Amino acid sequence: MRALARALPEPPVRAERADGRHNFAYWSTVIPDAFALLGAALTPPRAA
């Protein structure tokens, strides 16, 4: 993941790393921000 972040043309807006254990406790902490990011990326811009 660190190599991917270094290879991006721009730095990540947000990057967090945690030790394994990708269980519900972990996912429940990252899903809200992940969905907000996807929602913002998929929402078309408003007409002026």
PDB file of N, CA and C in Angstrom:
ATOM      1  N   MET A   1       0.806  -1.173   0.000  1.00  0.00           N
ATOM      2  CA  MET A   1       0.000   0.000   0.000  1.00  0.00           C
ATOM      3  C   MET A   1       0.864   1.257   0.000  1.00  0.00           C
ATOM      4  N   ARG A   2       1.947   1.230   0.720  1.00  0.00           N
ATOM      5  CA  ARG A   2       2.821   2.405   0.739  1.00  0.00           C
ATOM      6  C   ARG A   2       3.426   2.647  -0.638  1.00  0.00           C
ATOM      7  N   ALA A   3       3.775   1.564  -1.342  1.00  0.00           N
ATOM      8  CA  ALA A   3       4.332   1.707  -2.696  1.00  0.00           C
ATOM      9  C   ALA A   3       3.287   2.309  -3.628  1.00  0.00           C
ATOM     10  N   LEU A   4       2.049   1.898  -3.500  1.00  0.00           N
ATOM     11  CA  LEU A   4       0.974   2.456  -4.325  1.00  0.00           C
ATOM     12  C   LEU A   4       0.824   3.947  -4.043  1.00  0.00           C
ATOM     13  N   ALA A   5       0.814   4.325  -2.790  1.00  0.00           N
ATOM     14  CA  ALA A   5       0.671   5.741  -2.437  1.00  0.00           C
ATOM     15  C   ALA A   5       1.820   6.561  -3.017  1.00  0.00           C
ATOM     16  N   ARG A   6       3.027   6.025  -2.994  1.00  0.00           N
ATOM     17  CA  ARG A   6       4.182   6.738  -3.568  1.00  0.00           C
ATOM     18  C   ARG A   6       4.081   6.837  -5.083  1.00  0.00           C
ATOM     19  N   ALA A   7       3.441   5.881  -5.731  1.00  0.00           N
ATOM     20  CA  ALA A   7       3.360   5.862  -7.189  1.00  0.00           C
ATOM     21  C   ALA A   7       2.242   6.751  -7.737  1.00  0.00           C
ATOM     22  N   LEU A   8       1.332   7.194  -6.894  1.00  0.00           N
ATOM     23  CA  LEU A   8       0.232   8.035  -7.360  1.00  0.00           C
ATOM     24  C   LEU A   8       0.753   9.383  -7.839  1.00  0.00           C
ATOM     25  N   PRO A   9       0.120   9.960  -8.866  1.00  0.00           N
ATOM     26  CA  PRO A   9       0.573  11.263  -9.363  1.00  0.00           C
ATOM     27  C   PRO A   9       0.355  12.389  -8.359  1.00  0.00           C
ATOM     28  N   GLU A  10      -0.603  12.231  -7.449  1.00  0.00           N
ATOM     29  CA  GLU A  10      -0.856  13.201  -6.390  1.00  0.00           C
ATOM     30  C   GLU A  10      -0.928  12.438  -5.076  1.00  0.00           C
ATOM     31  N   PRO A  11      -0.575  13.084  -3.989  1.00  0.00           N
ATOM     32  CA  PRO A  11      -0.666  12.371  -2.710  1.00  0.00           C
ATOM     33  C   PRO A  11      -2.119  12.039  -2.376  1.00  0.00           C
ATOM     34  N   PRO A  12      -2.347  10.942  -1.668  1.00  0.00           N
ATOM     35  CA  PRO A  12      -3.709  10.585  -1.286  1.00  0.00           C
ATOM     36  C   PRO A  12      -4.342  11.674  -0.425  1.00  0.00           C
ATOM     37  N   VAL A  13      -5.640  11.860  -0.583  1.00  0.00           N
ATOM     38  CA  VAL A  13      -6.357  12.808   0.261  1.00  0.00           C
ATOM     39  C   VAL A  13      -6.320  12.318   1.701  1.00  0.00           C
ATOM     40  N   ARG A  14      -6.479  11.044   1.864  1.00  0.00           N
ATOM     41  CA  ARG A  14      -6.431  10.441   3.192  1.00  0.00           C
ATOM     42  C   ARG A  14      -5.859   9.049   3.061  1.00  0.00           C
ATOM     43  N   ALA A  15      -4.925   8.712   3.900  1.00  0.00           N
ATOM     44  CA  ALA A  15      -4.351   7.371   3.891  1.00  0.00           C
ATOM     45  C   ALA A  15      -4.108   6.938   5.325  1.00  0.00           C
ATOM     46  N   GLU A  16      -4.659   5.813   5.672  1.00  0.00           N
ATOM     47  CA  GLU A  16      -4.448   5.248   6.997  1.00  0.00           C
ATOM     48  C   GLU A  16      -4.067   3.795   6.822  1.00  0.00           C
ATOM     49  N   ARG A  17      -3.216   3.355   7.696  1.00  0.00           N
ATOM     50  CA  ARG A  17      -2.802   1.964   7.663  1.00  0.00           C
ATOM     51  C   ARG A  17      -3.007   1.372   9.040  1.00  0.00           C
ATOM     52  N   ALA A  18      -3.379   0.114   9.057  1.00  0.00           N
ATOM     53  CA  ALA A  18      -3.552  -0.592  10.322  1.00  0.00           C
ATOM     54  C   ALA A  18      -3.097  -2.025  10.124  1.00  0.00           C
ATOM     55  N   ASP A  19      -2.708  -2.650  11.216  1.00  0.00           N
ATOM     56  CA  ASP A  19      -2.347  -4.059  11.138  1.00  0.00           C
ATOM     57  C   ASP A  19      -3.546  -4.858  10.664  1.00  0.00           C
ATOM     58  N   GLY A  20      -3.312  -5.977  10.039  1.00  0.00           N
ATOM     59  CA  GLY A  20      -4.328  -6.881   9.510  1.00  0.00           C
ATOM     60  C   GLY A  20      -5.661  -6.865  10.222  1.00  0.00           C
ATOM     61  N   ARG A  21      -6.208  -7.993  10.502  1.00  0.00           N
ATOM     62  CA  ARG A  21      -7.490  -8.131  11.180  1.00  0.00           C
ATOM     63  C   ARG A  21      -8.593  -7.345  10.487  1.00  0.00           C
ATOM     64  N   HIS A  22      -8.779  -7.603   9.221  1.00  0.00           N
ATOM     65  CA  HIS A  22      -9.823  -6.900   8.473  1.00  0.00           C
ATOM     66  C   HIS A  22     -11.177  -7.536   8.773  1.00  0.00           C
ATOM     67  N   ASN A  23     -11.611  -7.363  10.008  1.00  0.00           N
ATOM     68  CA  ASN A  23     -12.894  -7.889  10.451  1.00  0.00           C
ATOM     69  C   ASN A  23     -13.910  -6.755  10.503  1.00  0.00           C
ATOM     70  N   PHE A  24     -15.088  -7.018  11.038  1.00  0.00           N
ATOM     71  CA  PHE A  24     -16.131  -5.996  11.057  1.00  0.00           C
ATOM     72  C   PHE A  24     -15.696  -4.774  11.854  1.00  0.00           C
ATOM     73  N   ALA A  25     -14.974  -4.972  12.931  1.00  0.00           N
ATOM     74  CA  ALA A  25     -14.522  -3.830  13.732  1.00  0.00           C
ATOM     75  C   ALA A  25     -13.670  -2.888  12.880  1.00  0.00           C
ATOM     76  N   TYR A  26     -12.804  -3.446  12.060  1.00  0.00           N
ATOM     77  CA  TYR A  26     -11.978  -2.624  11.179  1.00  0.00           C
ATOM     78  C   TYR A  26     -12.833  -1.947  10.109  1.00  0.00           C
ATOM     79  N   TRP A  27     -13.616  -2.740   9.396  1.00  0.00           N
ATOM     80  CA  TRP A  27     -14.393  -2.189   8.277  1.00  0.00           C
ATOM     81  C   TRP A  27     -15.405  -1.150   8.736  1.00  0.00           C
ATOM     82  N   SER A  28     -15.950  -1.290   9.925  1.00  0.00           N
ATOM     83  CA  SER A  28     -16.918  -0.315  10.397  1.00  0.00           C
ATOM     84  C   SER A  28     -16.271   1.054  10.635  1.00  0.00           C
ATOM     85  N   THR A  29     -14.957   1.100  10.742  1.00  0.00           N
ATOM     86  CA  THR A  29     -14.277   2.388  10.919  1.00  0.00           C
ATOM     87  C   THR A  29     -13.938   3.048   9.591  1.00  0.00           C
ATOM     88  N   VAL A  30     -13.847   2.285   8.520  1.00  0.00           N
ATOM     89  CA  VAL A  30     -13.428   2.868   7.238  1.00  0.00           C
ATOM     90  C   VAL A  30     -14.548   2.973   6.207  1.00  0.00           C
ATOM     91  N   ILE A  31     -15.596   2.196   6.356  1.00  0.00           N
ATOM     92  CA  ILE A  31     -16.669   2.200   5.359  1.00  0.00           C
ATOM     93  C   ILE A  31     -17.342   3.561   5.212  1.00  0.00           C
ATOM     94  N   PRO A  32     -17.668   4.271   6.288  1.00  0.00           N
ATOM     95  CA  PRO A  32     -18.333   5.570   6.091  1.00  0.00           C
ATOM     96  C   PRO A  32     -17.509   6.532   5.228  1.00  0.00           C
ATOM     97  N   ASP A  33     -16.220   6.648   5.488  1.00  0.00           N
ATOM     98  CA  ASP A  33     -15.386   7.541   4.681  1.00  0.00           C
ATOM     99  C   ASP A  33     -15.223   7.022   3.259  1.00  0.00           C
ATOM    100  N   ALA A  34     -15.124   5.706   3.102  1.00  0.00           N
ATOM    101  CA  ALA A  34     -14.984   5.134   1.765  1.00  0.00           C
ATOM    102  C   ALA A  34     -16.234   5.409   0.933  1.00  0.00           C
ATOM    103  N   PHE A  35     -17.403   5.230   1.521  1.00  0.00           N
ATOM    104  CA  PHE A  35     -18.638   5.510   0.788  1.00  0.00           C
ATOM    105  C   PHE A  35     -18.788   6.992   0.478  1.00  0.00           C
ATOM    106  N   ALA A  36     -18.376   7.849   1.403  1.00  0.00           N
ATOM    107  CA  ALA A  36     -18.435   9.291   1.148  1.00  0.00           C
ATOM    108  C   ALA A  36     -17.524   9.657  -0.020  1.00  0.00           C
ATOM    109  N   LEU A  37     -16.347   9.066  -0.068  1.00  0.00           N
ATOM    110  CA  LEU A  37     -15.417   9.311  -1.173  1.00  0.00           C
ATOM    111  C   LEU A  37     -16.017   8.850  -2.496  1.00  0.00           C
ATOM    112  N   LEU A  38     -16.573   7.652  -2.518  1.00  0.00           N
ATOM    113  CA  LEU A  38     -17.183   7.135  -3.745  1.00  0.00           C
ATOM    114  C   LEU A  38     -18.381   7.978  -4.158  1.00  0.00           C
ATOM    115  N   GLY A  39     -19.208   8.353  -3.190  1.00  0.00           N
ATOM    116  CA  GLY A  39     -20.370   9.160  -3.500  1.00  0.00           C
ATOM    117  C   GLY A  39     -19.979  10.498  -4.105  1.00  0.00           C
ATOM    118  N   ALA A  40     -18.949  11.123  -3.547  1.00  0.00           N
ATOM    119  CA  ALA A  40     -18.481  12.407  -4.094  1.00  0.00           C
ATOM    120  C   ALA A  40     -17.912  12.230  -5.493  1.00  0.00           C
ATOM    121  N   ALA A  41     -17.210  11.124  -5.723  1.00  0.00           N
ATOM    122  CA  ALA A  41     -16.604  10.892  -7.034  1.00  0.00           C
ATOM    123  C   ALA A  41     -17.651  10.563  -8.089  1.00  0.00           C
ATOM    124  N   LEU A  42     -18.742   9.948  -7.693  1.00  0.00           N
ATOM    125  CA  LEU A  42     -19.762   9.510  -8.645  1.00  0.00           C
ATOM    126  C   LEU A  42     -20.883  10.521  -8.833  1.00  0.00           C
ATOM    127  N   THR A  43     -20.935  11.528  -7.999  1.00  0.00           N
ATOM    128  CA  THR A  43     -21.977  12.537  -8.123  1.00  0.00           C
ATOM    129  C   THR A  43     -21.603  13.549  -9.184  1.00  0.00           C
ATOM    130  N   PRO A  44     -22.456  13.730 -10.189  1.00  0.00           N
ATOM    131  CA  PRO A  44     -22.120  14.702 -11.238  1.00  0.00           C
ATOM    132  C   PRO A  44     -22.114  16.121 -10.665  1.00  0.00           C
ATOM    133  N   PRO A  45     -21.299  16.992 -11.217  1.00  0.00           N
ATOM    134  CA  PRO A  45     -21.279  18.371 -10.732  1.00  0.00           C
ATOM    135  C   PRO A  45     -22.630  19.044 -10.952  1.00  0.00           C
ATOM    136  N   ARG A  46     -22.983  19.955 -10.076  1.00  0.00           N
ATOM    137  CA  ARG A  46     -24.242  20.687 -10.205  1.00  0.00           C
ATOM    138  C   ARG A  46     -24.124  21.714 -11.310  1.00  0.00           C
ATOM    139  N   ALA A  47     -25.209  21.901 -12.045  1.00  0.00           N
ATOM    140  CA  ALA A  47     -25.229  22.919 -13.101  1.00  0.00           C
ATOM    141  C   ALA A  47     -25.236  24.301 -12.468  1.00  0.00           C
ATOM    142  N   ALA A  48     -24.559  25.207 -13.101  1.00  0.00           N
ATOM    143  CA  ALA A  48     -24.467  26.570 -12.543  1.00  0.00           C
ATOM    144  C   ALA A  48     -25.719  27.362 -12.814  1.00  0.00           C
TER     145      ALA A  48
END
